[in-house]
PDB file of N, CA and C in Angstrom:
ATOM      1  N   MET A   1      64.277 -35.767 -64.109  1.00  0.00           N
ATOM      2  CA  MET A   1      63.217 -35.106 -65.036  1.00  0.00           C
ATOM      3  C   MET A   1      63.800 -34.976 -66.447  1.00  0.00           C
ATOM      4  N   SER A   2      63.073 -35.354 -67.329  1.00  0.00           N
ATOM      5  CA  SER A   2      63.497 -35.281 -68.789  1.00  0.00           C
ATOM      6  C   SER A   2      63.653 -33.915 -69.106  1.00  0.00           C
ATOM      7  N   PHE A   3      64.373 -33.546 -70.286  1.00  0.00           N
ATOM      8  CA  PHE A   3      64.421 -32.092 -70.819  1.00  0.00           C
ATOM      9  C   PHE A   3      63.085 -31.748 -71.147  1.00  0.00           C
ATOM     10  N   LEU A   4      62.318 -32.475 -71.810  1.00  0.00           N
ATOM     11  CA  LEU A   4      60.924 -32.172 -72.269  1.00  0.00           C
ATOM     12  C   LEU A   4      60.081 -31.820 -71.052  1.00  0.00           C
ATOM     13  N   GLY A   5      60.258 -32.687 -69.983  1.00  0.00           N
ATOM     14  CA  GLY A   5      59.329 -32.425 -68.807  1.00  0.00           C
ATOM     15  C   GLY A   5      59.803 -31.025 -68.099  1.00  0.00           C
ATOM     16  N   ALA A   6      61.075 -30.701 -68.128  1.00  0.00           N
ATOM     17  CA  ALA A   6      61.600 -29.526 -67.455  1.00  0.00           C
ATOM     18  C   ALA A   6      60.949 -28.347 -68.269  1.00  0.00           C
ATOM     19  N   ASN A   7      60.982 -28.518 -69.621  1.00  0.00           N
ATOM     20  CA  ASN A   7      60.443 -27.364 -70.451  1.00  0.00           C
ATOM     21  C   ASN A   7      59.156 -27.243 -70.245  1.00  0.00           C
ATOM     22  N   MET A   8      58.200 -28.223 -70.150  1.00  0.00           N
ATOM     23  CA  MET A   8      56.791 -28.183 -69.905  1.00  0.00           C
ATOM     24  C   MET A   8      56.521 -27.599 -68.556  1.00  0.00           C
ATOM     25  N   LEU A   9      57.286 -27.920 -67.579  1.00  0.00           N
ATOM     26  CA  LEU A   9      57.141 -27.190 -66.235  1.00  0.00           C
ATOM     27  C   LEU A   9      57.293 -25.802 -66.311  1.00  0.00           C
ATOM     28  N   HIS A  10      58.455 -25.455 -67.032  1.00  0.00           N
ATOM     29  CA  HIS A  10      58.677 -23.954 -67.193  1.00  0.00           C
ATOM     30  C   HIS A  10      57.702 -23.228 -68.022  1.00  0.00           C
ATOM     31  N   ALA A  11      57.167 -23.894 -69.013  1.00  0.00           N
ATOM     32  CA  ALA A  11      56.116 -23.262 -69.804  1.00  0.00           C
ATOM     33  C   ALA A  11      54.809 -22.999 -68.983  1.00  0.00           C
ATOM     34  N   GLN A  12      54.646 -23.654 -67.897  1.00  0.00           N
ATOM     35  CA  GLN A  12      53.467 -23.384 -67.051  1.00  0.00           C
ATOM     36  C   GLN A  12      53.513 -22.126 -66.224  1.00  0.00           C
ATOM     37  N   GLN A  13      54.754 -21.688 -65.979  1.00  0.00           N
ATOM     38  CA  GLN A  13      54.980 -20.494 -65.250  1.00  0.00           C
ATOM     39  C   GLN A  13      54.931 -19.226 -66.088  1.00  0.00           C
ATOM     40  N   GLY A  14      54.874 -18.059 -65.470  1.00  0.00           N
ATOM     41  CA  GLY A  14      54.674 -16.871 -66.102  1.00  0.00           C
ATOM     42  C   GLY A  14      53.270 -16.237 -65.845  1.00  0.00           C
ATOM     43  N   PRO A  15      53.018 -15.239 -66.497  1.00  0.00           N
ATOM     44  CA  PRO A  15      51.753 -14.577 -66.337  1.00  0.00           C
ATOM     45  C   PRO A  15      50.567 -15.401 -66.820  1.00  0.00           C
ATOM     46  N   PRO A  16      49.375 -15.266 -66.182  1.00  0.00           N
ATOM     47  CA  PRO A  16      48.294 -15.922 -66.509  1.00  0.00           C
ATOM     48  C   PRO A  16      47.623 -15.536 -67.884  1.00  0.00           C
ATOM     49  N   PRO A  17      47.021 -16.334 -68.670  1.00  0.00           N
ATOM     50  CA  PRO A  17      46.411 -15.882 -69.869  1.00  0.00           C
ATOM     51  C   PRO A  17      45.365 -14.653 -69.627  1.00  0.00           C
ATOM     52  N   ILE A  18      45.254 -13.892 -70.730  1.00  0.00           N
ATOM     53  CA  ILE A  18      44.337 -12.793 -70.612  1.00  0.00           C
ATOM     54  C   ILE A  18      42.910 -13.238 -70.798  1.00  0.00           C
ATOM     55  N   PRO A  19      41.904 -12.971 -69.905  1.00  0.00           N
ATOM     56  CA  PRO A  19      40.641 -13.631 -70.055  1.00  0.00           C
ATOM     57  C   PRO A  19      39.861 -13.163 -71.254  1.00  0.00           C
ATOM     58  N   THR A  20      38.993 -14.034 -71.751  1.00  0.00           N
ATOM     59  CA  THR A  20      38.227 -13.677 -72.981  1.00  0.00           C
ATOM     60  C   THR A  20      37.059 -12.758 -72.354  1.00  0.00           C
ATOM     61  N   SER A  21      36.289 -12.247 -73.372  1.00  0.00           N
ATOM     62  CA  SER A  21      35.125 -11.470 -72.969  1.00  0.00           C
ATOM     63  C   SER A  21      34.141 -12.236 -72.269  1.00  0.00           C
ATOM     64  N   THR A  22      33.929 -13.564 -72.604  1.00  0.00           N
ATOM     65  CA  THR A  22      33.083 -14.441 -72.004  1.00  0.00           C
ATOM     66  C   THR A  22      33.535 -14.735 -70.558  1.00  0.00           C
ATOM     67  N   GLU A  23      34.792 -14.908 -70.354  1.00  0.00           N
ATOM     68  CA  GLU A  23      35.422 -15.105 -68.830  1.00  0.00           C
ATOM     69  C   GLU A  23      35.268 -13.884 -68.096  1.00  0.00           C
ATOM     70  N   ILE A  24      35.397 -12.640 -68.702  1.00  0.00           N
ATOM     71  CA  ILE A  24      35.295 -11.501 -67.955  1.00  0.00           C
ATOM     72  C   ILE A  24      33.714 -11.327 -67.593  1.00  0.00           C
ATOM     73  N   LYS A  25      32.870 -11.608 -68.517  1.00  0.00           N
ATOM     74  CA  LYS A  25      31.433 -11.539 -68.062  1.00  0.00           C
ATOM     75  C   LYS A  25      31.166 -12.377 -66.808  1.00  0.00           C
ATOM     76  N   LYS A  26      31.657 -13.625 -66.908  1.00  0.00           N
ATOM     77  CA  LYS A  26      31.453 -14.620 -65.928  1.00  0.00           C
ATOM     78  C   LYS A  26      31.906 -14.064 -64.500  1.00  0.00           C
ATOM     79  N   THR A  27      33.173 -13.473 -64.582  1.00  0.00           N
ATOM     80  CA  THR A  27      33.760 -12.929 -63.333  1.00  0.00           C
ATOM     81  C   THR A  27      32.827 -11.778 -62.794  1.00  0.00           C
ATOM     82  N   VAL A  28      32.464 -10.925 -63.783  1.00  0.00           N
ATOM     83  CA  VAL A  28      31.642  -9.790 -63.295  1.00  0.00           C
ATOM     84  C   VAL A  28      30.229 -10.137 -62.792  1.00  0.00           C
ATOM     85  N   THR A  29      29.685 -11.292 -63.422  1.00  0.00           N
ATOM     86  CA  THR A  29      28.471 -11.766 -62.895  1.00  0.00           C
ATOM     87  C   THR A  29      28.647 -12.412 -61.538  1.00  0.00           C
ATOM     88  N   ASP A  30      29.754 -13.140 -61.249  1.00  0.00           N
ATOM     89  CA  ASP A  30      30.010 -13.721 -60.023  1.00  0.00           C
ATOM     90  C   ASP A  30      30.305 -12.554 -58.938  1.00  0.00           C
ATOM     91  N   LEU A  31      30.998 -11.584 -59.298  1.00  0.00           N
ATOM     92  CA  LEU A  31      31.292 -10.345 -58.485  1.00  0.00           C
ATOM     93  C   LEU A  31      29.923  -9.631 -58.205  1.00  0.00           C
ATOM     94  N   SER A  32      29.115  -9.562 -59.201  1.00  0.00           N
ATOM     95  CA  SER A  32      27.848  -8.792 -58.975  1.00  0.00           C
ATOM     96  C   SER A  32      26.933  -9.536 -57.961  1.00  0.00           C
ATOM     97  N   ASN A  33      26.975 -10.958 -57.985  1.00  0.00           N
ATOM     98  CA  ASN A  33      26.239 -11.730 -57.052  1.00  0.00           C
ATOM     99  C   ASN A  33      26.769 -11.582 -55.730  1.00  0.00           C
ATOM    100  N   THR A  34      28.101 -11.748 -55.600  1.00  0.00           N
ATOM    101  CA  THR A  34      28.790 -11.729 -54.286  1.00  0.00           C
ATOM    102  C   THR A  34      28.615 -10.411 -53.636  1.00  0.00           C
ATOM    103  N   LEU A  35      28.859  -9.302 -54.397  1.00  0.00           N
ATOM    104  CA  LEU A  35      28.950  -7.887 -53.922  1.00  0.00           C
ATOM    105  C   LEU A  35      27.444  -7.315 -53.754  1.00  0.00           C
ATOM    106  N   GLU A  36      26.492  -7.927 -54.403  1.00  0.00           N
ATOM    107  CA  GLU A  36      25.211  -7.409 -54.769  1.00  0.00           C
ATOM    108  C   GLU A  36      25.256  -6.018 -55.289  1.00  0.00           C
ATOM    109  N   LEU A  37      25.833  -6.017 -56.516  1.00  0.00           N
ATOM    110  CA  LEU A  37      25.997  -4.847 -57.292  1.00  0.00           C
ATOM    111  C   LEU A  37      24.710  -4.411 -57.912  1.00  0.00           C
ATOM    112  N   THR A  38      24.419  -3.037 -58.143  1.00  0.00           N
ATOM    113  CA  THR A  38      23.228  -2.694 -59.023  1.00  0.00           C
ATOM    114  C   THR A  38      23.619  -2.901 -60.517  1.00  0.00           C
ATOM    115  N   ASP A  39      22.630  -2.711 -61.233  1.00  0.00           N
ATOM    116  CA  ASP A  39      22.975  -2.794 -62.680  1.00  0.00           C
ATOM    117  C   ASP A  39      23.974  -1.883 -63.244  1.00  0.00           C
ATOM    118  N   VAL A  40      23.879  -0.659 -62.706  1.00  0.00           N
ATOM    119  CA  VAL A  40      24.839   0.381 -63.108  1.00  0.00           C
ATOM    120  C   VAL A  40      26.155   0.055 -62.603  1.00  0.00           C
ATOM    121  N   GLN A  41      26.357  -0.410 -61.366  1.00  0.00           N
ATOM    122  CA  GLN A  41      27.651  -0.829 -60.956  1.00  0.00           C
ATOM    123  C   GLN A  41      28.214  -1.935 -61.744  1.00  0.00           C
ATOM    124  N   SER A  42      27.399  -2.962 -62.110  1.00  0.00           N
ATOM    125  CA  SER A  42      27.849  -4.128 -62.780  1.00  0.00           C
ATOM    126  C   SER A  42      28.433  -3.637 -64.199  1.00  0.00           C
ATOM    127  N   LYS A  43      27.708  -2.811 -64.743  1.00  0.00           N
ATOM    128  CA  LYS A  43      28.190  -2.174 -66.039  1.00  0.00           C
ATOM    129  C   LYS A  43      29.508  -1.566 -66.026  1.00  0.00           C
ATOM    130  N   GLU A  44      29.662  -0.668 -64.895  1.00  0.00           N
ATOM    131  CA  GLU A  44      30.864   0.009 -64.709  1.00  0.00           C
ATOM    132  C   GLU A  44      32.116  -0.984 -64.397  1.00  0.00           C
ATOM    133  N   VAL A  45      31.804  -1.918 -63.481  1.00  0.00           N
ATOM    134  CA  VAL A  45      32.785  -2.899 -63.320  1.00  0.00           C
ATOM    135  C   VAL A  45      33.136  -3.777 -64.461  1.00  0.00           C
ATOM    136  N   PHE A  46      32.237  -4.188 -65.335  1.00  0.00           N
ATOM    137  CA  PHE A  46      32.491  -4.862 -66.472  1.00  0.00           C
ATOM    138  C   PHE A  46      33.288  -3.987 -67.423  1.00  0.00           C
ATOM    139  N   ASP A  47      33.087  -2.707 -67.709  1.00  0.00           N
ATOM    140  CA  ASP A  47      33.824  -1.783 -68.372  1.00  0.00           C
ATOM    141  C   ASP A  47      35.266  -1.604 -67.890  1.00  0.00           C
ATOM    142  N   LEU A  48      35.396  -1.629 -66.472  1.00  0.00           N
ATOM    143  CA  LEU A  48      36.736  -1.323 -65.924  1.00  0.00           C
ATOM    144  C   LEU A  48      37.538  -2.787 -66.244  1.00  0.00           C
ATOM    145  N   TYR A  49      36.925  -3.908 -66.061  1.00  0.00           N
ATOM    146  CA  TYR A  49      37.527  -5.274 -66.266  1.00  0.00           C
ATOM    147  C   TYR A  49      38.091  -5.372 -67.698  1.00  0.00           C
ATOM    148  N   THR A  50      37.179  -4.929 -68.594  1.00  0.00           N
ATOM    149  CA  THR A  50      37.508  -4.979 -70.155  1.00  0.00           C
ATOM    150  C   THR A  50      38.599  -4.065 -70.371  1.00  0.00           C
ATOM    151  N   ALA A  51      38.670  -2.873 -69.884  1.00  0.00           N
ATOM    152  CA  ALA A  51      39.673  -1.800 -70.208  1.00  0.00           C
ATOM    153  C   ALA A  51      41.004  -2.366 -69.534  1.00  0.00           C
ATOM    154  N   HIS A  52      40.956  -2.870 -68.426  1.00  0.00           N
ATOM    155  CA  HIS A  52      42.127  -3.322 -67.741  1.00  0.00           C
ATOM    156  C   HIS A  52      42.775  -4.344 -68.400  1.00  0.00           C
ATOM    157  N   PHE A  53      42.097  -5.282 -68.827  1.00  0.00           N
ATOM    158  CA  PHE A  53      42.747  -6.510 -69.517  1.00  0.00           C
ATOM    159  C   PHE A  53      43.201  -6.123 -70.995  1.00  0.00           C
ATOM    160  N   LYS A  54      42.471  -5.142 -71.563  1.00  0.00           N
ATOM    161  CA  LYS A  54      43.051  -4.687 -72.769  1.00  0.00           C
ATOM    162  C   LYS A  54      44.337  -3.879 -72.698  1.00  0.00           C
ATOM    163  N   GLU A  55      44.385  -3.181 -71.590  1.00  0.00           N
ATOM    164  CA  GLU A  55      45.698  -2.420 -71.328  1.00  0.00           C
ATOM    165  C   GLU A  55      46.735  -3.482 -71.039  1.00  0.00           C
ATOM    166  N   VAL A  56      46.437  -4.544 -70.185  1.00  0.00           N
ATOM    167  CA  VAL A  56      47.524  -5.632 -69.885  1.00  0.00           C
ATOM    168  C   VAL A  56      47.923  -6.219 -71.262  1.00  0.00           C
ATOM    169  N   SER A  57      46.939  -6.664 -72.016  1.00  0.00           N
ATOM    170  CA  SER A  57      47.269  -7.244 -73.272  1.00  0.00           C
ATOM    171  C   SER A  57      48.185  -6.415 -74.231  1.00  0.00           C
ATOM    172  N   ASN A  58      47.818  -5.115 -74.294  1.00  0.00           N
ATOM    173  CA  ASN A  58      48.542  -4.199 -75.093  1.00  0.00           C
ATOM    174  C   ASN A  58      50.070  -4.135 -74.523  1.00  0.00           C
ATOM    175  N   LYS A  59      50.257  -4.158 -73.291  1.00  0.00           N
ATOM    176  CA  LYS A  59      51.605  -4.114 -72.624  1.00  0.00           C
ATOM    177  C   LYS A  59      52.314  -5.355 -72.932  1.00  0.00           C
ATOM    178  N   MET A  60      51.651  -6.407 -72.849  1.00  0.00           N
ATOM    179  CA  MET A  60      52.239  -7.804 -73.136  1.00  0.00           C
ATOM    180  C   MET A  60      52.709  -8.029 -74.579  1.00  0.00           C
ATOM    181  N   GLU A  61      51.881  -7.334 -75.524  1.00  0.00           N
ATOM    182  CA  GLU A  61      52.267  -7.468 -76.918  1.00  0.00           C
ATOM    183  C   GLU A  61      53.401  -6.532 -77.257  1.00  0.00           C
ATOM    184  N   SER A  62      53.454  -5.333 -76.670  1.00  0.00           N
ATOM    185  CA  SER A  62      54.579  -4.457 -77.064  1.00  0.00           C
ATOM    186  C   SER A  62      55.981  -4.777 -76.339  1.00  0.00           C
ATOM    187  N   SER A  63      55.988  -5.375 -75.104  1.00  0.00           N
ATOM    188  CA  SER A  63      57.137  -5.702 -74.576  1.00  0.00           C
ATOM    189  C   SER A  63      56.775  -6.611 -73.356  1.00  0.00           C
ATOM    190  N   ARG A  64      57.903  -7.092 -72.686  1.00  0.00           N
ATOM    191  CA  ARG A  64      57.586  -7.855 -71.468  1.00  0.00           C
ATOM    192  C   ARG A  64      57.589  -6.888 -70.329  1.00  0.00           C
ATOM    193  N   PRO A  65      56.443  -6.522 -69.763  1.00  0.00           N
ATOM    194  CA  PRO A  65      56.459  -5.621 -68.648  1.00  0.00           C
ATOM    195  C   PRO A  65      57.119  -6.300 -67.453  1.00  0.00           C
ATOM    196  N   SER A  66      57.745  -5.472 -66.546  1.00  0.00           N
ATOM    197  CA  SER A  66      58.260  -5.882 -65.305  1.00  0.00           C
ATOM    198  C   SER A  66      57.068  -6.263 -64.353  1.00  0.00           C
ATOM    199  N   ARG A  67      57.503  -7.116 -63.399  1.00  0.00           N
ATOM    200  CA  ARG A  67      56.542  -7.524 -62.369  1.00  0.00           C
ATOM    201  C   ARG A  67      56.030  -6.177 -61.668  1.00  0.00           C
ATOM    202  N   LYS A  68      56.937  -5.153 -61.533  1.00  0.00           N
ATOM    203  CA  LYS A  68      56.538  -3.850 -60.830  1.00  0.00           C
ATOM    204  C   LYS A  68      55.451  -3.141 -61.658  1.00  0.00           C
ATOM    205  N   GLU A  69      55.664  -3.179 -62.915  1.00  0.00           N
ATOM    206  CA  GLU A  69      54.746  -2.481 -63.927  1.00  0.00           C
ATOM    207  C   GLU A  69      53.343  -3.203 -63.720  1.00  0.00           C
ATOM    208  N   MET A  70      53.308  -4.408 -63.666  1.00  0.00           N
ATOM    209  CA  MET A  70      52.059  -5.324 -63.682  1.00  0.00           C
ATOM    210  C   MET A  70      51.431  -5.065 -62.321  1.00  0.00           C
ATOM    211  N   GLU A  71      52.129  -5.007 -61.284  1.00  0.00           N
ATOM    212  CA  GLU A  71      51.583  -4.787 -59.914  1.00  0.00           C
ATOM    213  C   GLU A  71      50.982  -3.361 -59.843  1.00  0.00           C
ATOM    214  N   ALA A  72      51.629  -2.484 -60.460  1.00  0.00           N
ATOM    215  CA  ALA A  72      51.111  -1.046 -60.465  1.00  0.00           C
ATOM    216  C   ALA A  72      49.800  -1.095 -61.225  1.00  0.00           C
ATOM    217  N   LEU A  73      49.712  -1.726 -62.396  1.00  0.00           N
ATOM    218  CA  LEU A  73      48.511  -1.818 -63.174  1.00  0.00           C
ATOM    219  C   LEU A  73      47.318  -2.415 -62.401  1.00  0.00           C
ATOM    220  N   GLN A  74      47.604  -3.482 -61.665  1.00  0.00           N
ATOM    221  CA  GLN A  74      46.767  -4.251 -60.895  1.00  0.00           C
ATOM    222  C   GLN A  74      46.182  -3.374 -59.672  1.00  0.00           C
ATOM    223  N   SER A  75      47.150  -2.552 -59.082  1.00  0.00           N
ATOM    224  CA  SER A  75      46.689  -1.792 -57.904  1.00  0.00           C
ATOM    225  C   SER A  75      45.792  -0.690 -58.503  1.00  0.00           C
ATOM    226  N   LYS A  76      46.247  -0.103 -59.527  1.00  0.00           N
ATOM    227  CA  LYS A  76      45.399   0.964 -60.194  1.00  0.00           C
ATOM    228  C   LYS A  76      43.913   0.492 -60.429  1.00  0.00           C
ATOM    229  N   PHE A  77      43.890  -0.772 -61.126  1.00  0.00           N
ATOM    230  CA  PHE A  77      42.691  -1.316 -61.436  1.00  0.00           C
ATOM    231  C   PHE A  77      41.739  -1.573 -60.353  1.00  0.00           C
ATOM    232  N   GLU A  78      42.465  -2.157 -59.179  1.00  0.00           N
ATOM    233  CA  GLU A  78      41.571  -2.503 -57.962  1.00  0.00           C
ATOM    234  C   GLU A  78      41.028  -1.152 -57.390  1.00  0.00           C
ATOM    235  N   LYS A  79      41.816  -0.083 -57.430  1.00  0.00           N
ATOM    236  CA  LYS A  79      41.357   1.234 -56.823  1.00  0.00           C
ATOM    237  C   LYS A  79      40.154   1.807 -57.703  1.00  0.00           C
ATOM    238  N   GLU A  80      40.287   1.614 -59.037  1.00  0.00           N
ATOM    239  CA  GLU A  80      39.230   1.978 -59.896  1.00  0.00           C
ATOM    240  C   GLU A  80      37.964   1.187 -59.482  1.00  0.00           C
ATOM    241  N   VAL A  81      38.080  -0.082 -59.325  1.00  0.00           N
ATOM    242  CA  VAL A  81      36.850  -0.864 -59.061  1.00  0.00           C
ATOM    243  C   VAL A  81      36.230  -0.395 -57.677  1.00  0.00           C
ATOM    244  N   LYS A  82      37.164  -0.280 -56.729  1.00  0.00           N
ATOM    245  CA  LYS A  82      36.728   0.062 -55.414  1.00  0.00           C
ATOM    246  C   LYS A  82      35.962   1.494 -55.476  1.00  0.00           C
ATOM    247  N   ALA A  83      36.308   2.375 -56.308  1.00  0.00           N
ATOM    248  CA  ALA A  83      35.699   3.660 -56.397  1.00  0.00           C
ATOM    249  C   ALA A  83      34.243   3.564 -56.790  1.00  0.00           C
ATOM    250  N   VAL A  84      33.818   2.524 -57.504  1.00  0.00           N
ATOM    251  CA  VAL A  84      32.483   2.180 -57.994  1.00  0.00           C
ATOM    252  C   VAL A  84      31.586   1.687 -56.802  1.00  0.00           C
ATOM    253  N   LEU A  85      32.329   1.091 -55.776  1.00  0.00           N
ATOM    254  CA  LEU A  85      31.588   0.232 -54.723  1.00  0.00           C
ATOM    255  C   LEU A  85      31.354   1.074 -53.459  1.00  0.00           C
ATOM    256  N   THR A  86      30.267   0.678 -52.722  1.00  0.00           N
ATOM    257  CA  THR A  86      29.935   1.222 -51.460  1.00  0.00           C
ATOM    258  C   THR A  86      31.098   0.740 -50.402  1.00  0.00           C
ATOM    259  N   THR A  87      31.105   1.230 -49.226  1.00  0.00           N
ATOM    260  CA  THR A  87      32.000   0.746 -48.262  1.00  0.00           C
ATOM    261  C   THR A  87      31.859  -0.638 -47.923  1.00  0.00           C
ATOM    262  N   GLU A  88      30.597  -1.196 -47.737  1.00  0.00           N
ATOM    263  CA  GLU A  88      30.313  -2.481 -47.526  1.00  0.00           C
ATOM    264  C   GLU A  88      30.894  -3.447 -48.741  1.00  0.00           C
ATOM    265  N   GLN A  89      30.581  -3.052 -49.919  1.00  0.00           N
ATOM    266  CA  GLN A  89      31.023  -3.739 -51.094  1.00  0.00           C
ATOM    267  C   GLN A  89      32.524  -3.854 -51.153  1.00  0.00           C
ATOM    268  N   GLN A  90      33.178  -2.851 -50.720  1.00  0.00           N
ATOM    269  CA  GLN A  90      34.536  -2.676 -50.830  1.00  0.00           C
ATOM    270  C   GLN A  90      35.077  -3.930 -49.918  1.00  0.00           C
ATOM    271  N   LYS A  91      34.625  -3.993 -48.725  1.00  0.00           N
ATOM    272  CA  LYS A  91      35.092  -4.896 -47.782  1.00  0.00           C
ATOM    273  C   LYS A  91      34.717  -6.431 -48.542  1.00  0.00           C
ATOM    274  N   LYS A  92      33.633  -6.665 -49.106  1.00  0.00           N
ATOM    275  CA  LYS A  92      33.483  -7.890 -49.711  1.00  0.00           C
ATOM    276  C   LYS A  92      34.363  -8.071 -50.876  1.00  0.00           C
ATOM    277  N   TYR A  93      34.709  -7.023 -51.614  1.00  0.00           N
ATOM    278  CA  TYR A  93      35.597  -7.143 -52.736  1.00  0.00           C
ATOM    279  C   TYR A  93      36.900  -7.677 -52.290  1.00  0.00           C
ATOM    280  N   GLU A  94      37.395  -7.103 -51.136  1.00  0.00           N
ATOM    281  CA  GLU A  94      38.760  -7.346 -50.680  1.00  0.00           C
ATOM    282  C   GLU A  94      38.755  -8.975 -50.351  1.00  0.00           C
ATOM    283  N   THR A  95      37.670  -9.468 -49.661  1.00  0.00           N
ATOM    284  CA  THR A  95      37.547 -10.843 -49.362  1.00  0.00           C
ATOM    285  C   THR A  95      37.588 -11.664 -50.721  1.00  0.00           C
ATOM    286  N   TYR A  96      36.844 -11.183 -51.616  1.00  0.00           N
ATOM    287  CA  TYR A  96      36.784 -11.945 -52.994  1.00  0.00           C
ATOM    288  C   TYR A  96      38.068 -11.943 -53.641  1.00  0.00           C
ATOM    289  N   LEU A  97      38.796 -10.926 -53.652  1.00  0.00           N
ATOM    290  CA  LEU A  97      40.070 -10.961 -54.117  1.00  0.00           C
ATOM    291  C   LEU A  97      41.085 -11.964 -53.395  1.00  0.00           C
ATOM    292  N   LYS A  98      41.063 -11.902 -52.154  1.00  0.00           N
ATOM    293  CA  LYS A  98      41.972 -12.869 -51.433  1.00  0.00           C
ATOM    294  C   LYS A  98      41.534 -14.347 -51.675  1.00  0.00           C
ATOM    295  N   GLU A  99      40.193 -14.627 -51.788  1.00  0.00           N
ATOM    296  CA  GLU A  99      39.771 -15.983 -51.983  1.00  0.00           C
ATOM    297  C   GLU A  99      40.007 -16.458 -53.476  1.00  0.00           C
ATOM    298  N   ASN A 100      40.077 -15.422 -54.398  1.00  0.00           N
ATOM    299  CA  ASN A 100      40.168 -15.794 -55.815  1.00  0.00           C
ATOM    300  C   ASN A 100      41.472 -15.626 -56.487  1.00  0.00           C
ATOM    301  N   GLN A 101      42.531 -15.179 -55.611  1.00  0.00           N
ATOM    302  CA  GLN A 101      43.810 -14.844 -56.297  1.00  0.00           C
ATOM    303  C   GLN A 101      44.579 -16.151 -56.818  1.00  0.00           C
ATOM    304  N   PRO A 102      45.284 -16.005 -57.814  1.00  0.00           N
ATOM    305  CA  PRO A 102      45.872 -17.261 -58.404  1.00  0.00           C
ATOM    306  C   PRO A 102      46.904 -17.826 -57.278  1.00  0.00           C
ATOM    307  N   LYS A 103      47.059 -19.017 -57.237  1.00  0.00           N
ATOM    308  CA  LYS A 103      47.965 -19.641 -56.378  1.00  0.00           C
ATOM    309  C   LYS A 103      49.390 -19.482 -56.952  1.00  0.00           C
ATOM    310  N   GLN A 104      50.269 -19.137 -56.084  1.00  0.00           N
ATOM    311  CA  GLN A 104      51.777 -19.041 -56.424  1.00  0.00           C
ATOM    312  C   GLN A 104      52.465 -20.364 -56.440  1.00  0.00           C
ATOM    313  N   GLY A 105      53.302 -20.540 -57.421  1.00  0.00           N
ATOM    314  CA  GLY A 105      54.113 -21.852 -57.540  1.00  0.00           C
ATOM    315  C   GLY A 105      53.638 -22.847 -58.443  1.00  0.00           C
ATOM    316  N   GLY A 106      52.802 -22.456 -59.250  1.00  0.00           N
ATOM    317  CA  GLY A 106      52.201 -23.457 -60.335  1.00  0.00           C
ATOM    318  C   GLY A 106      51.195 -24.314 -59.788  1.00  0.00           C
ATOM    319  N   PRO A 107      50.877 -25.545 -60.605  1.00  0.00           N
ATOM    320  CA  PRO A 107      49.844 -26.421 -60.231  1.00  0.00           C
ATOM    321  C   PRO A 107      50.259 -27.304 -59.071  1.00  0.00           C
ATOM    322  N   GLN A 108      49.325 -27.620 -58.263  1.00  0.00           N
ATOM    323  CA  GLN A 108      49.581 -28.489 -57.098  1.00  0.00           C
ATOM    324  C   GLN A 108      49.978 -29.936 -57.630  1.00  0.00           C
ATOM    325  N   GLN A 109      50.821 -30.474 -56.760  1.00  0.00           N
ATOM    326  CA  GLN A 109      51.167 -31.809 -57.030  1.00  0.00           C
ATOM    327  C   GLN A 109      50.194 -32.818 -56.361  1.00  0.00           C
ATOM    328  N   ARG A 110      49.773 -33.775 -57.182  1.00  0.00           N
ATOM    329  CA  ARG A 110      48.894 -34.834 -56.618  1.00  0.00           C
ATOM    330  C   ARG A 110      49.787 -35.956 -55.903  1.00  0.00           C
ATOM    331  N   ARG A 111      49.227 -36.438 -54.723  1.00  0.00           N
ATOM    332  CA  ARG A 111      50.008 -37.506 -54.110  1.00  0.00           C
ATOM    333  C   ARG A 111      49.253 -38.833 -54.210  1.00  0.00           C
TER     334      ARG A 111
END
């Protein structure tokens, strides 16, 4: 593998980019449909997503947070979202998270 190829592979690793407001809206719309959220719940979840990613962005700009810090932020965020949901919606949310989590190890190799 060339030096440039190795650098490009390395550049693809690391934290995923912070979603834009449009991407957050798309995610919350998808969640709203999947979990059958009320309008009030959708607004609360959108606000939580927006605040979470703003906090993540601020952390990333000020320093390189540890994996432990990022996992703690993610855990706190998921608990806040679950607090807005009914018990049935929480179960669906868990499934949604598992199905939509980023794949570890970078992009898949094509054969």
